[in-house]
Amino acid sequence: MEITSFILGVLTIIGVALAILVVVGMVKIGKQKDQITELWNGLNNNHSNADQWVRTLEDQMCRNMDDIRREYTSYIDSRIDKLQSKKEVNLK
């Protein structure tokens, strides 16, 4: 009888320890799940911000290129006009 009581006591302690380990494991899994969700939200937010930043830079570069193209076109047109007027003066 003493051996049976001892075995039942040991098994009870092992069962309680396993139950405690299961509860601690479930709490840790829940915390990890929350951290993963938070990281995904952060990554999505960063990706969205990066896309917006790239679009802004792209628009700014297009505007700058258009301004430069207009400036060079204006400069070339003025040079051509001067050359034509100089050519007309020389012909007279």
PDB file of N, CA and C in Angstrom:
ATOM      1  N   MET A   1       0.809  -1.191   0.000  1.00  0.00           N
ATOM      2  CA  MET A   1       0.000   0.000   0.000  1.00  0.00           C
ATOM      3  C   MET A   1       0.853   1.255   0.000  1.00  0.00           C
ATOM      4  N   GLU A   2       1.972   1.172   0.734  1.00  0.00           N
ATOM      5  CA  GLU A   2       2.845   2.344   0.789  1.00  0.00           C
ATOM      6  C   GLU A   2       3.447   2.650  -0.572  1.00  0.00           C
ATOM      7  N   ILE A   3       3.791   1.620  -1.302  1.00  0.00           N
ATOM      8  CA  ILE A   3       4.386   1.817  -2.622  1.00  0.00           C
ATOM      9  C   ILE A   3       3.341   2.414  -3.563  1.00  0.00           C
ATOM     10  N   THR A   4       2.120   1.984  -3.478  1.00  0.00           N
ATOM     11  CA  THR A   4       1.051   2.497  -4.321  1.00  0.00           C
ATOM     12  C   THR A   4       0.815   3.970  -4.020  1.00  0.00           C
ATOM     13  N   SER A   5       0.813   4.335  -2.746  1.00  0.00           N
ATOM     14  CA  SER A   5       0.630   5.744  -2.376  1.00  0.00           C
ATOM     15  C   SER A   5       1.795   6.591  -2.876  1.00  0.00           C
ATOM     16  N   PHE A   6       3.004   6.042  -2.757  1.00  0.00           N
ATOM     17  CA  PHE A   6       4.187   6.765  -3.232  1.00  0.00           C
ATOM     18  C   PHE A   6       4.121   6.992  -4.746  1.00  0.00           C
ATOM     19  N   ILE A   7       3.770   5.943  -5.493  1.00  0.00           N
ATOM     20  CA  ILE A   7       3.677   6.039  -6.955  1.00  0.00           C
ATOM     21  C   ILE A   7       2.587   7.036  -7.346  1.00  0.00           C
ATOM     22  N   LEU A   8       1.437   6.985  -6.682  1.00  0.00           N
ATOM     23  CA  LEU A   8       0.363   7.925  -6.974  1.00  0.00           C
ATOM     24  C   LEU A   8       0.799   9.363  -6.658  1.00  0.00           C
ATOM     25  N   GLY A   9       1.546   9.572  -5.605  1.00  0.00           N
ATOM     26  CA  GLY A   9       2.047  10.900  -5.249  1.00  0.00           C
ATOM     27  C   GLY A   9       3.013  11.429  -6.295  1.00  0.00           C
ATOM     28  N   VAL A  10       3.915  10.569  -6.727  1.00  0.00           N
ATOM     29  CA  VAL A  10       4.890  10.965  -7.754  1.00  0.00           C
ATOM     30  C   VAL A  10       4.167  11.280  -9.062  1.00  0.00           C
ATOM     31  N   LEU A  11       3.229  10.445  -9.458  1.00  0.00           N
ATOM     32  CA  LEU A  11       2.481  10.690 -10.688  1.00  0.00           C
ATOM     33  C   LEU A  11       1.658  11.969 -10.596  1.00  0.00           C
ATOM     34  N   THR A  12       1.141  12.280  -9.437  1.00  0.00           N
ATOM     35  CA  THR A  12       0.383  13.519  -9.244  1.00  0.00           C
ATOM     36  C   THR A  12       1.295  14.721  -9.412  1.00  0.00           C
ATOM     37  N   ILE A  13       2.471  14.652  -8.826  1.00  0.00           N
ATOM     38  CA  ILE A  13       3.434  15.754  -8.958  1.00  0.00           C
ATOM     39  C   ILE A  13       3.861  15.917 -10.415  1.00  0.00           C
ATOM     40  N   ILE A  14       4.111  14.819 -11.107  1.00  0.00           N
ATOM     41  CA  ILE A  14       4.489  14.889 -12.523  1.00  0.00           C
ATOM     42  C   ILE A  14       3.344  15.469 -13.341  1.00  0.00           C
ATOM     43  N   GLY A  15       2.119  15.058 -13.055  1.00  0.00           N
ATOM     44  CA  GLY A  15       0.945  15.590 -13.770  1.00  0.00           C
ATOM     45  C   GLY A  15       0.776  17.086 -13.558  1.00  0.00           C
ATOM     46  N   VAL A  16       0.954  17.548 -12.319  1.00  0.00           N
ATOM     47  CA  VAL A  16       0.844  18.982 -12.030  1.00  0.00           C
ATOM     48  C   VAL A  16       1.954  19.745 -12.744  1.00  0.00           C
ATOM     49  N   ALA A  17       3.163  19.197 -12.716  1.00  0.00           N
ATOM     50  CA  ALA A  17       4.288  19.855 -13.398  1.00  0.00           C
ATOM     51  C   ALA A  17       4.023  19.955 -14.900  1.00  0.00           C
ATOM     52  N   LEU A  18       3.494  18.910 -15.499  1.00  0.00           N
ATOM     53  CA  LEU A  18       3.177  18.936 -16.933  1.00  0.00           C
ATOM     54  C   LEU A  18       2.080  19.954 -17.230  1.00  0.00           C
ATOM     55  N   ALA A  19       1.090  20.020 -16.358  1.00  0.00           N
ATOM     56  CA  ALA A  19       0.013  20.997 -16.559  1.00  0.00           C
ATOM     57  C   ALA A  19       0.569  22.423 -16.486  1.00  0.00           C
ATOM     58  N   ILE A  20       1.463  22.656 -15.530  1.00  0.00           N
ATOM     59  CA  ILE A  20       2.081  23.986 -15.407  1.00  0.00           C
ATOM     60  C   ILE A  20       2.898  24.299 -16.660  1.00  0.00           C
ATOM     61  N   LEU A  21       3.664  23.327 -17.142  1.00  0.00           N
ATOM     62  CA  LEU A  21       4.462  23.531 -18.359  1.00  0.00           C
ATOM     63  C   LEU A  21       3.564  23.828 -19.565  1.00  0.00           C
ATOM     64  N   VAL A  22       2.439  23.154 -19.680  1.00  0.00           N
ATOM     65  CA  VAL A  22       1.516  23.393 -20.792  1.00  0.00           C
ATOM     66  C   VAL A  22       0.963  24.815 -20.714  1.00  0.00           C
ATOM     67  N   VAL A  23       0.577  25.244 -19.513  1.00  0.00           N
ATOM     68  CA  VAL A  23       0.036  26.602 -19.357  1.00  0.00           C
ATOM     69  C   VAL A  23       1.101  27.644 -19.691  1.00  0.00           C
ATOM     70  N   VAL A  24       2.320  27.470 -19.188  1.00  0.00           N
ATOM     71  CA  VAL A  24       3.407  28.417 -19.479  1.00  0.00           C
ATOM     72  C   VAL A  24       3.701  28.439 -20.981  1.00  0.00           C
ATOM     73  N   GLY A  25       3.702  27.270 -21.600  1.00  0.00           N
ATOM     74  CA  GLY A  25       3.940  27.194 -23.045  1.00  0.00           C
ATOM     75  C   GLY A  25       2.860  27.917 -23.838  1.00  0.00           C
ATOM     76  N   MET A  26       1.605  27.760 -23.433  1.00  0.00           N
ATOM     77  CA  MET A  26       0.511  28.435 -24.138  1.00  0.00           C
ATOM     78  C   MET A  26       0.619  29.954 -23.989  1.00  0.00           C
ATOM     79  N   VAL A  27       1.015  30.422 -22.808  1.00  0.00           N
ATOM     80  CA  VAL A  27       1.188  31.869 -22.606  1.00  0.00           C
ATOM     81  C   VAL A  27       2.311  32.391 -23.497  1.00  0.00           C
ATOM     82  N   LYS A  28       3.425  31.654 -23.558  1.00  0.00           N
ATOM     83  CA  LYS A  28       4.539  32.081 -24.411  1.00  0.00           C
ATOM     84  C   LYS A  28       4.137  32.068 -25.883  1.00  0.00           C
ATOM     85  N   ILE A  29       3.381  31.077 -26.306  1.00  0.00           N
ATOM     86  CA  ILE A  29       2.924  31.024 -27.699  1.00  0.00           C
ATOM     87  C   ILE A  29       2.025  32.221 -28.005  1.00  0.00           C
ATOM     88  N   GLY A  30       1.149  32.571 -27.080  1.00  0.00           N
ATOM     89  CA  GLY A  30       0.282  33.741 -27.272  1.00  0.00           C
ATOM     90  C   GLY A  30       1.091  35.025 -27.407  1.00  0.00           C
ATOM     91  N   LYS A  31       2.119  35.167 -26.564  1.00  0.00           N
ATOM     92  CA  LYS A  31       2.970  36.370 -26.653  1.00  0.00           C
ATOM     93  C   LYS A  31       3.719  36.414 -27.979  1.00  0.00           C
ATOM     94  N   GLN A  32       4.239  35.266 -28.417  1.00  0.00           N
ATOM     95  CA  GLN A  32       4.946  35.204 -29.696  1.00  0.00           C
ATOM     96  C   GLN A  32       4.011  35.544 -30.855  1.00  0.00           C
ATOM     97  N   LYS A  33       2.784  35.061 -30.771  1.00  0.00           N
ATOM     98  CA  LYS A  33       1.796  35.350 -31.816  1.00  0.00           C
ATOM     99  C   LYS A  33       1.532  36.853 -31.894  1.00  0.00           C
ATOM    100  N   ASP A  34       1.390  37.490 -30.730  1.00  0.00           N
ATOM    101  CA  ASP A  34       1.176  38.939 -30.707  1.00  0.00           C
ATOM    102  C   ASP A  34       2.370  39.687 -31.285  1.00  0.00           C
ATOM    103  N   GLN A  35       3.578  39.243 -30.935  1.00  0.00           N
ATOM    104  CA  GLN A  35       4.785  39.885 -31.469  1.00  0.00           C
ATOM    105  C   GLN A  35       4.876  39.715 -32.981  1.00  0.00           C
ATOM    106  N   ILE A  36       4.544  38.548 -33.484  1.00  0.00           N
ATOM    107  CA  ILE A  36       4.587  38.302 -34.934  1.00  0.00           C
ATOM    108  C   ILE A  36       3.572  39.187 -35.642  1.00  0.00           C
ATOM    109  N   THR A  37       2.369  39.297 -35.076  1.00  0.00           N
ATOM    110  CA  THR A  37       1.350  40.162 -35.671  1.00  0.00           C
ATOM    111  C   THR A  37       1.819  41.605 -35.694  1.00  0.00           C
ATOM    112  N   GLU A  38       2.430  42.048 -34.604  1.00  0.00           N
ATOM    113  CA  GLU A  38       2.939  43.421 -34.534  1.00  0.00           C
ATOM    114  C   GLU A  38       4.051  43.656 -35.556  1.00  0.00           C
ATOM    115  N   LEU A  39       4.935  42.675 -35.714  1.00  0.00           N
ATOM    116  CA  LEU A  39       6.012  42.796 -36.707  1.00  0.00           C
ATOM    117  C   LEU A  39       5.457  42.855 -38.127  1.00  0.00           C
ATOM    118  N   TRP A  40       4.450  42.021 -38.426  1.00  0.00           N
ATOM    119  CA  TRP A  40       3.846  42.043 -39.765  1.00  0.00           C
ATOM    120  C   TRP A  40       3.212  43.393 -40.055  1.00  0.00           C
ATOM    121  N   ASN A  41       2.510  43.929 -39.040  1.00  0.00           N
ATOM    122  CA  ASN A  41       1.892  45.244 -39.230  1.00  0.00           C
ATOM    123  C   ASN A  41       2.954  46.306 -39.463  1.00  0.00           C
ATOM    124  N   GLY A  42       4.064  46.227 -38.726  1.00  0.00           N
ATOM    125  CA  GLY A  42       5.157  47.173 -38.915  1.00  0.00           C
ATOM    126  C   GLY A  42       5.775  47.051 -40.296  1.00  0.00           C
ATOM    127  N   LEU A  43       5.970  45.816 -40.755  1.00  0.00           N
ATOM    128  CA  LEU A  43       6.540  45.607 -42.093  1.00  0.00           C
ATOM    129  C   LEU A  43       5.611  46.138 -43.177  1.00  0.00           C
ATOM    130  N   ASN A  44       4.323  45.881 -43.036  1.00  0.00           N
ATOM    131  CA  ASN A  44       3.371  46.393 -44.021  1.00  0.00           C
ATOM    132  C   ASN A  44       3.358  47.907 -44.031  1.00  0.00           C
ATOM    133  N   ASN A  45       3.452  48.509 -42.856  1.00  0.00           N
ATOM    134  CA  ASN A  45       3.477  49.969 -42.755  1.00  0.00           C
ATOM    135  C   ASN A  45       4.742  50.515 -43.412  1.00  0.00           C
ATOM    136  N   ASN A  46       5.892  49.874 -43.139  1.00  0.00           N
ATOM    137  CA  ASN A  46       7.147  50.318 -43.744  1.00  0.00           C
ATOM    138  C   ASN A  46       7.116  50.150 -45.259  1.00  0.00           C
ATOM    139  N   HIS A  47       6.540  49.051 -45.726  1.00  0.00           N
ATOM    140  CA  HIS A  47       6.442  48.814 -47.168  1.00  0.00           C
ATOM    141  C   HIS A  47       5.570  49.883 -47.818  1.00  0.00           C
ATOM    142  N   SER A  48       4.475  50.211 -47.165  1.00  0.00           N
ATOM    143  CA  SER A  48       3.588  51.255 -47.683  1.00  0.00           C
ATOM    144  C   SER A  48       4.301  52.598 -47.721  1.00  0.00           C
ATOM    145  N   ASN A  49       5.045  52.914 -46.659  1.00  0.00           N
ATOM    146  CA  ASN A  49       5.796  54.174 -46.618  1.00  0.00           C
ATOM    147  C   ASN A  49       6.874  54.203 -47.693  1.00  0.00           C
ATOM    148  N   ALA A  50       7.534  53.074 -47.910  1.00  0.00           N
ATOM    149  CA  ALA A  50       8.576  53.013 -48.936  1.00  0.00           C
ATOM    150  C   ALA A  50       7.970  53.210 -50.325  1.00  0.00           C
ATOM    151  N   ASP A  51       6.832  52.583 -50.577  1.00  0.00           N
ATOM    152  CA  ASP A  51       6.171  52.764 -51.873  1.00  0.00           C
ATOM    153  C   ASP A  51       5.787  54.224 -52.099  1.00  0.00           C
ATOM    154  N   GLN A  52       5.263  54.850 -51.070  1.00  0.00           N
ATOM    155  CA  GLN A  52       4.866  56.257 -51.186  1.00  0.00           C
ATOM    156  C   GLN A  52       6.098  57.129 -51.423  1.00  0.00           C
ATOM    157  N   TRP A  53       7.196  56.833 -50.735  1.00  0.00           N
ATOM    158  CA  TRP A  53       8.425  57.600 -50.899  1.00  0.00           C
ATOM    159  C   TRP A  53       8.968  57.446 -52.319  1.00  0.00           C
ATOM    160  N   VAL A  54       8.935  56.219 -52.849  1.00  0.00           N
ATOM    161  CA  VAL A  54       9.410  55.974 -54.218  1.00  0.00           C
ATOM    162  C   VAL A  54       8.545  56.731 -55.221  1.00  0.00           C
ATOM    163  N   ARG A  55       7.215  56.706 -55.025  1.00  0.00           N
ATOM    164  CA  ARG A  55       6.334  57.440 -55.941  1.00  0.00           C
ATOM    165  C   ARG A  55       6.612  58.937 -55.883  1.00  0.00           C
ATOM    166  N   THR A  56       6.838  59.465 -54.689  1.00  0.00           N
ATOM    167  CA  THR A  56       7.131  60.887 -54.540  1.00  0.00           C
ATOM    168  C   THR A  56       8.428  61.246 -55.252  1.00  0.00           C
ATOM    169  N   LEU A  57       9.457  60.422 -55.064  1.00  0.00           N
ATOM    170  CA  LEU A  57      10.733  60.672 -55.740  1.00  0.00           C
ATOM    171  C   LEU A  57      10.588  60.570 -57.257  1.00  0.00           C
ATOM    172  N   GLU A  58       9.819  59.599 -57.695  1.00  0.00           N
ATOM    173  CA  GLU A  58       9.599  59.415 -59.126  1.00  0.00           C
ATOM    174  C   GLU A  58       8.910  60.649 -59.726  1.00  0.00           C
ATOM    175  N   ASP A  59       7.884  61.147 -59.047  1.00  0.00           N
ATOM    176  CA  ASP A  59       7.190  62.345 -59.524  1.00  0.00           C
ATOM    177  C   ASP A  59       8.122  63.553 -59.540  1.00  0.00           C
ATOM    178  N   GLN A  60       8.916  63.682 -58.497  1.00  0.00           N
ATOM    179  CA  GLN A  60       9.845  64.813 -58.407  1.00  0.00           C
ATOM    180  C   GLN A  60      10.893  64.733 -59.514  1.00  0.00           C
ATOM    181  N   MET A  61      11.398  63.537 -59.788  1.00  0.00           N
ATOM    182  CA  MET A  61      12.388  63.378 -60.851  1.00  0.00           C
ATOM    183  C   MET A  61      11.774  63.701 -62.209  1.00  0.00           C
ATOM    184  N   CYS A  62      10.543  63.278 -62.440  1.00  0.00           N
ATOM    185  CA  CYS A  62       9.875  63.581 -63.715  1.00  0.00           C
ATOM    186  C   CYS A  62       9.705  65.085 -63.881  1.00  0.00           C
ATOM    187  N   ARG A  63       9.308  65.767 -62.808  1.00  0.00           N
ATOM    188  CA  ARG A  63       9.158  67.228 -62.884  1.00  0.00           C
ATOM    189  C   ARG A  63      10.506  67.887 -63.155  1.00  0.00           C
ATOM    190  N   ASN A  64      11.545  67.413 -62.482  1.00  0.00           N
ATOM    191  CA  ASN A  64      12.877  67.987 -62.705  1.00  0.00           C
ATOM    192  C   ASN A  64      13.351  67.746 -64.137  1.00  0.00           C
ATOM    193  N   MET A  65      13.104  66.558 -64.639  1.00  0.00           N
ATOM    194  CA  MET A  65      13.516  66.258 -66.011  1.00  0.00           C
ATOM    195  C   MET A  65      12.747  67.123 -67.006  1.00  0.00           C
ATOM    196  N   ASP A  66      11.460  67.335 -66.766  1.00  0.00           N
ATOM    197  CA  ASP A  66      10.669  68.201 -67.644  1.00  0.00           C
ATOM    198  C   ASP A  66      11.184  69.635 -67.602  1.00  0.00           C
ATOM    199  N   ASP A  67      11.523  70.118 -66.411  1.00  0.00           N
ATOM    200  CA  ASP A  67      12.071  71.467 -66.289  1.00  0.00           C
ATOM    201  C   ASP A  67      13.391  71.596 -67.038  1.00  0.00           C
ATOM    202  N   ILE A  68      14.251  70.613 -66.888  1.00  0.00           N
ATOM    203  CA  ILE A  68      15.550  70.640 -67.585  1.00  0.00           C
ATOM    204  C   ILE A  68      15.339  70.584 -69.090  1.00  0.00           C
ATOM    205  N   ARG A  69      14.415  69.731 -69.543  1.00  0.00           N
ATOM    206  CA  ARG A  69      14.141  69.629 -70.978  1.00  0.00           C
ATOM    207  C   ARG A  69      13.632  70.966 -71.520  1.00  0.00           C
ATOM    208  N   ARG A  70      12.726  71.612 -70.787  1.00  0.00           N
ATOM    209  CA  ARG A  70      12.235  72.922 -71.229  1.00  0.00           C
ATOM    210  C   ARG A  70      13.351  73.952 -71.266  1.00  0.00           C
ATOM    211  N   GLU A  71      14.215  73.917 -70.253  1.00  0.00           N
ATOM    212  CA  GLU A  71      15.319  74.874 -70.197  1.00  0.00           C
ATOM    213  C   GLU A  71      16.268  74.690 -71.380  1.00  0.00           C
ATOM    214  N   TYR A  72      16.643  73.449 -71.657  1.00  0.00           N
ATOM    215  CA  TYR A  72      17.541  73.195 -72.788  1.00  0.00           C
ATOM    216  C   TYR A  72      16.886  73.495 -74.124  1.00  0.00           C
ATOM    217  N   THR A  73      15.599  73.157 -74.226  1.00  0.00           N
ATOM    218  CA  THR A  73      14.892  73.473 -75.468  1.00  0.00           C
ATOM    219  C   THR A  73      14.846  74.975 -75.688  1.00  0.00           C
ATOM    220  N   SER A  74      14.590  75.710 -74.655  1.00  0.00           N
ATOM    221  CA  SER A  74      14.562  77.175 -74.748  1.00  0.00           C
ATOM    222  C   SER A  74      15.935  77.708 -75.132  1.00  0.00           C
ATOM    223  N   TYR A  75      16.968  77.184 -74.517  1.00  0.00           N
ATOM    224  CA  TYR A  75      18.329  77.637 -74.820  1.00  0.00           C
ATOM    225  C   TYR A  75      18.694  77.333 -76.273  1.00  0.00           C
ATOM    226  N   ILE A  76      18.379  76.111 -76.711  1.00  0.00           N
ATOM    227  CA  ILE A  76      18.695  75.730 -78.094  1.00  0.00           C
ATOM    228  C   ILE A  76      17.904  76.581 -79.070  1.00  0.00           C
ATOM    229  N   ASP A  77      16.618  76.814 -78.775  1.00  0.00           N
ATOM    230  CA  ASP A  77      15.805  77.661 -79.653  1.00  0.00           C
ATOM    231  C   ASP A  77      16.378  79.071 -79.754  1.00  0.00           C
ATOM    232  N   SER A  78      16.816  79.607 -78.627  1.00  0.00           N
ATOM    233  CA  SER A  78      17.379  80.968 -78.665  1.00  0.00           C
ATOM    234  C   SER A  78      18.672  80.981 -79.471  1.00  0.00           C
ATOM    235  N   ARG A  79      19.485  79.938 -79.347  1.00  0.00           N
ATOM    236  CA  ARG A  79      20.738  79.876 -80.119  1.00  0.00           C
ATOM    237  C   ARG A  79      20.440  79.756 -81.614  1.00  0.00           C
ATOM    238  N   ILE A  80      19.434  78.953 -81.949  1.00  0.00           N
ATOM    239  CA  ILE A  80      19.067  78.795 -83.364  1.00  0.00           C
ATOM    240  C   ILE A  80      18.537  80.118 -83.908  1.00  0.00           C
ATOM    241  N   ASP A  81      17.712  80.816 -83.138  1.00  0.00           N
ATOM    242  CA  ASP A  81      17.193  82.119 -83.576  1.00  0.00           C
ATOM    243  C   ASP A  81      18.330  83.114 -83.790  1.00  0.00           C
ATOM    244  N   LYS A  82      19.294  83.135 -82.893  1.00  0.00           N
ATOM    245  CA  LYS A  82      20.433  84.046 -83.047  1.00  0.00           C
ATOM    246  C   LYS A  82      21.244  83.685 -84.283  1.00  0.00           C
ATOM    247  N   LEU A  83      21.421  82.397 -84.502  1.00  0.00           N
ATOM    248  CA  LEU A  83      22.168  81.953 -85.661  1.00  0.00           C
ATOM    249  C   LEU A  83      21.440  82.330 -86.950  1.00  0.00           C
ATOM    250  N   GLN A  84      20.127  82.165 -86.981  1.00  0.00           N
ATOM    251  CA  GLN A  84      19.351  82.528 -88.161  1.00  0.00           C
ATOM    252  C   GLN A  84      19.383  84.031 -88.398  1.00  0.00           C
ATOM    253  N   SER A  85      19.280  84.805 -87.331  1.00  0.00           N
ATOM    254  CA  SER A  85      19.320  86.260 -87.506  1.00  0.00           C
ATOM    255  C   SER A  85      20.695  86.704 -87.965  1.00  0.00           C
ATOM    256  N   LYS A  86      21.734  86.063 -87.471  1.00  0.00           N
ATOM    257  CA  LYS A  86      23.090  86.386 -87.890  1.00  0.00           C
ATOM    258  C   LYS A  86      23.285  86.000 -89.354  1.00  0.00           C
ATOM    259  N   LYS A  87      22.720  84.914 -89.757  1.00  0.00           N
ATOM    260  CA  LYS A  87      22.824  84.450 -91.130  1.00  0.00           C
ATOM    261  C   LYS A  87      22.073  85.423 -92.053  1.00  0.00           C
ATOM    262  N   GLU A  88      20.901  85.907 -91.617  1.00  0.00           N
ATOM    263  CA  GLU A  88      20.138  86.852 -92.420  1.00  0.00           C
ATOM    264  C   GLU A  88      20.878  88.176 -92.555  1.00  0.00           C
ATOM    265  N   VAL A  89      21.550  88.615 -91.508  1.00  0.00           N
ATOM    266  CA  VAL A  89      22.307  89.884 -91.548  1.00  0.00           C
ATOM    267  C   VAL A  89      23.466  89.723 -92.518  1.00  0.00           C
ATOM    268  N   ASN A  90      24.112  88.569 -92.512  1.00  0.00           N
ATOM    269  CA  ASN A  90      25.242  88.333 -93.409  1.00  0.00           C
ATOM    270  C   ASN A  90      24.807  88.236 -94.870  1.00  0.00           C
ATOM    271  N   LEU A  91      23.591  87.775 -95.111  1.00  0.00           N
ATOM    272  CA  LEU A  91      23.099  87.656 -96.473  1.00  0.00           C
ATOM    273  C   LEU A  91      22.753  89.032 -97.067  1.00  0.00           C
ATOM    274  N   LYS A  92      22.383  89.986 -96.248  1.00  0.00           N
ATOM    275  CA  LYS A  92      21.998  91.296 -96.748  1.00  0.00           C
ATOM    276  C   LYS A  92      23.165  92.088 -97.092  1.00  0.00           C
TER     277      LYS A  92
END
